[in-house]
Amino acid sequence: MHVQVKEDVLLKKFWELENEPDGITKRLTKEEEKCEEIFNTTYQRDQEGRYVVRLPFNTEDPECQYGQSQNIARKRFQLLEKKLMKNPGLKKDYEGVIEEYAQLNHMSLITDSEEKNNEKAVYLPHHAVVREDKETTKVRVVFDASCKGVNNVSLNDNLLVGPKLQQDLRHILMRWRSHQICLVLIW
């Protein structure tokens, strides 16, 4: 069997694949548009300059709030406490991360009355992830927003997914390759 390919056609196809599209236009899905709208209408900056935005729920009355997440989170926390009691070093590191979150105002303590009065609250279980290969932060806290409630719905199930904020990696690499000299900053 013999196939004959014209070199100019092959070269043209190569450059079509390698070239970054001139006008990359973002076409948002309805879900992405709704997520962007929620962001644009609810974001604000607090006194410290941080951005605060409402969660982009896909409905006005998300089902996740009816999944009894507090009971599930409490049970998972009790299991976590047992694990931490067996490993004092991990417990110390975990408590350090939690204290840092409180100092940075990433979380705050709620009172019993706030807890009882907020029927729409969704509680997230959390656990420790240990990375021995990391120098600075070996222990981090991971919050499980995929945890299903008793109604089989999680917080993640009720949140919209917004558009990608970055270009595809291939476009970034092609743009980088198009220059004669490139600088790479290493922190």
Protein backbone atom coordinates (compact mmCIF):
# COMPACT_ATOMS: atom_id res chain seq x y z
CA MET A 1 0.00 0.00 0.00
CA HIS A 2 1.32 3.44 -0.88
CA VAL A 3 0.06 6.83 0.29
CA GLN A 4 1.22 10.06 -1.22
CA VAL A 5 0.93 13.25 0.85
CA LYS A 6 1.71 16.68 -0.47
CA GLU A 7 4.17 18.41 1.82
CA ASP A 8 2.44 21.79 1.64
CA VAL A 9 -0.88 20.28 2.82
CA LEU A 10 0.89 18.49 5.67
CA LEU A 11 2.75 21.66 6.66
CA LYS A 12 -0.49 23.69 6.52
CA LYS A 13 -2.25 21.20 8.82
CA PHE A 14 0.70 21.32 11.25
CA TRP A 15 0.55 25.12 11.51
CA GLU A 16 -3.22 25.09 11.89
CA LEU A 17 -2.84 22.79 14.88
CA GLU A 18 0.09 24.71 16.36
CA ASN A 19 -1.30 28.23 15.88
CA GLU A 20 -3.13 29.84 18.72
CA PRO A 21 -6.57 30.95 17.61
CA ASP A 22 -6.53 34.70 16.94
CA GLY A 23 -9.76 35.59 18.59
CA ILE A 24 -10.55 33.14 21.34
CA THR A 25 -14.09 34.00 22.27
CA LYS A 26 -15.59 32.60 25.41
CA ARG A 27 -19.02 31.09 24.96
CA LEU A 28 -20.58 30.64 28.35
CA THR A 29 -23.19 28.04 29.14
CA LYS A 30 -26.41 29.15 30.85
CA GLU A 31 -25.05 27.77 34.13
CA GLU A 32 -21.80 29.74 33.74
CA GLU A 33 -23.74 32.90 32.87
CA LYS A 34 -25.92 32.48 35.97
CA CYS A 35 -22.83 31.91 38.13
CA GLU A 36 -21.19 35.06 36.71
CA GLU A 37 -24.38 37.04 37.35
CA ILE A 38 -24.48 35.91 40.98
CA PHE A 39 -20.84 36.89 41.39
CA ASN A 40 -21.30 40.32 39.78
CA THR A 41 -24.39 41.17 41.84
CA THR A 42 -23.23 39.89 45.24
CA TYR A 43 -19.50 40.46 45.54
CA GLN A 44 -18.17 43.13 47.87
CA ARG A 45 -15.00 43.93 49.75
CA ASP A 46 -14.85 43.91 53.52
CA GLN A 47 -12.90 46.31 55.75
CA GLU A 48 -9.70 44.30 55.28
CA GLY A 49 -9.96 44.36 51.48
CA ARG A 50 -11.02 40.74 51.12
CA TYR A 51 -13.66 39.77 48.60
CA VAL A 52 -16.90 38.36 49.98
CA VAL A 53 -19.37 36.71 47.63
CA ARG A 54 -22.56 34.70 48.03
CA LEU A 55 -22.38 31.01 47.20
CA PRO A 56 -23.71 30.41 43.66
CA PHE A 57 -26.60 28.05 44.41
CA ASN A 58 -28.40 26.57 41.44
CA THR A 59 -31.80 27.08 43.12
CA GLU A 60 -33.25 29.55 45.60
CA ASP A 61 -33.98 26.77 48.10
CA PRO A 62 -31.01 24.33 47.95
CA GLU A 63 -31.77 20.78 49.06
CA CYS A 64 -28.44 20.40 50.87
CA GLN A 65 -29.78 22.44 53.79
CA TYR A 66 -32.28 19.67 54.54
CA GLY A 67 -29.74 16.84 54.68
CA GLN A 68 -29.04 17.01 58.43
CA SER A 69 -25.40 17.86 57.69
CA GLN A 70 -24.77 18.92 61.28
CA ASN A 71 -25.25 15.36 62.58
CA ILE A 72 -23.03 13.90 59.86
CA ALA A 73 -20.31 16.51 60.44
CA ARG A 74 -20.46 15.93 64.19
CA LYS A 75 -20.05 12.13 63.80
CA ARG A 76 -17.14 12.59 61.41
CA PHE A 77 -15.55 15.06 63.85
CA GLN A 78 -15.81 12.53 66.66
CA LEU A 79 -13.99 9.98 64.48
CA LEU A 80 -11.36 12.60 63.70
CA GLU A 81 -10.89 13.33 67.41
CA LYS A 82 -10.27 9.63 68.09
CA LYS A 83 -7.66 9.56 65.32
CA LEU A 84 -5.98 12.69 66.67
CA MET A 85 -5.87 11.29 70.22
CA LYS A 86 -3.83 8.36 68.94
CA ASN A 87 -1.32 10.70 67.28
CA PRO A 88 -0.39 13.70 69.51
CA GLY A 89 1.93 15.20 66.89
CA LEU A 90 -0.80 15.24 64.26
CA LYS A 91 -3.23 16.65 66.82
CA LYS A 92 -0.86 19.52 67.62
CA ASP A 93 -0.30 20.32 63.94
CA TYR A 94 -4.03 20.09 63.17
CA GLU A 95 -4.93 22.38 66.05
CA GLY A 96 -2.28 24.81 64.79
CA VAL A 97 -3.90 24.94 61.36
CA ILE A 98 -7.34 25.47 62.89
CA GLU A 99 -5.99 28.27 65.12
CA GLU A 100 -4.38 29.89 62.09
CA TYR A 101 -7.73 29.81 60.26
CA ALA A 102 -9.34 31.56 63.23
CA GLN A 103 -6.58 34.20 63.40
CA LEU A 104 -6.89 34.88 59.66
CA ASN A 105 -10.69 35.17 60.05
CA HIS A 106 -11.25 32.28 57.66
CA MET A 107 -13.58 30.90 60.29
CA SER A 108 -15.22 32.06 63.49
CA LEU A 109 -16.78 30.44 66.51
CA ILE A 110 -20.58 30.43 66.57
CA THR A 111 -22.70 30.54 69.67
CA ASP A 112 -25.35 27.96 70.57
CA SER A 113 -28.11 30.46 69.80
CA GLU A 114 -26.67 31.17 66.33
CA GLU A 115 -26.46 27.44 65.70
CA LYS A 116 -30.08 26.82 66.73
CA ASN A 117 -31.46 29.87 64.89
CA ASN A 118 -29.86 29.09 61.53
CA GLU A 119 -31.90 26.26 60.07
CA LYS A 120 -30.41 26.81 56.60
CA ALA A 121 -26.80 26.21 57.68
CA VAL A 122 -24.85 23.46 55.94
CA TYR A 123 -22.07 21.90 58.00
CA LEU A 124 -18.98 20.53 56.30
CA PRO A 125 -17.07 17.59 57.72
CA HIS A 126 -13.31 18.03 57.69
CA HIS A 127 -10.22 15.92 58.11
CA ALA A 128 -6.45 16.16 58.11
CA VAL A 129 -4.29 15.50 55.07
CA VAL A 130 -0.63 14.91 55.85
CA ARG A 131 2.03 15.52 53.21
CA GLU A 132 5.44 14.46 54.46
CA ASP A 133 7.12 15.72 51.27
CA LYS A 134 6.14 19.35 52.02
CA GLU A 135 8.58 21.51 53.95
CA THR A 136 6.27 24.26 55.19
CA THR A 137 2.74 22.90 55.54
CA LYS A 138 2.81 19.19 56.19
CA VAL A 139 -0.73 19.14 57.60
CA ARG A 140 -3.71 20.82 56.02
CA VAL A 141 -7.43 20.73 56.70
CA VAL A 142 -9.70 19.49 53.91
CA PHE A 143 -13.39 20.34 54.03
CA ASP A 144 -15.67 17.79 52.38
CA ALA A 145 -18.36 19.70 50.46
CA SER A 146 -19.12 16.48 48.55
CA CYS A 147 -20.43 14.77 51.70
CA LYS A 148 -24.01 13.69 51.03
CA GLY A 149 -26.70 14.38 53.59
CA VAL A 150 -29.45 11.97 54.59
CA ASN A 151 -31.36 13.16 51.49
CA ASN A 152 -28.39 12.11 49.29
CA VAL A 153 -27.56 15.73 48.32
CA SER A 154 -24.26 17.50 49.04
CA LEU A 155 -23.36 21.19 49.05
CA ASN A 156 -21.41 20.67 45.83
CA ASP A 157 -24.52 19.19 44.19
CA ASN A 158 -26.34 22.50 44.73
CA LEU A 159 -23.59 24.87 43.55
CA LEU A 160 -23.18 26.25 40.05
CA VAL A 161 -19.87 25.81 38.26
CA GLY A 162 -18.48 29.02 36.83
CA PRO A 163 -16.45 29.50 33.66
CA LYS A 164 -12.77 28.68 33.38
CA LEU A 165 -10.74 31.73 34.31
CA GLN A 166 -7.53 30.68 32.57
CA GLN A 167 -6.76 29.85 28.96
CA ASP A 168 -6.06 26.27 27.97
CA LEU A 169 -2.50 25.26 28.77
CA ARG A 170 -1.77 24.53 25.12
CA HIS A 171 -2.54 28.17 24.20
CA ILE A 172 -0.31 29.45 26.97
CA LEU A 173 2.55 27.19 25.85
CA MET A 174 2.15 28.13 22.18
CA ARG A 175 2.22 31.83 23.05
CA TRP A 176 5.34 31.25 25.15
CA ARG A 177 7.05 29.37 22.29
CA SER A 178 6.40 32.18 19.78
CA HIS A 179 9.02 34.51 21.32
CA GLN A 180 12.75 34.42 20.66
CA ILE A 181 13.62 35.02 24.32
CA CYS A 182 11.59 33.86 27.29
CA LEU A 183 12.16 34.56 30.95
CA VAL A 184 11.17 32.21 33.70
CA LEU A 185 10.85 33.48 37.26
CA ILE A 186 11.45 30.94 39.99
CA TRP A 187 10.25 31.94 43.44
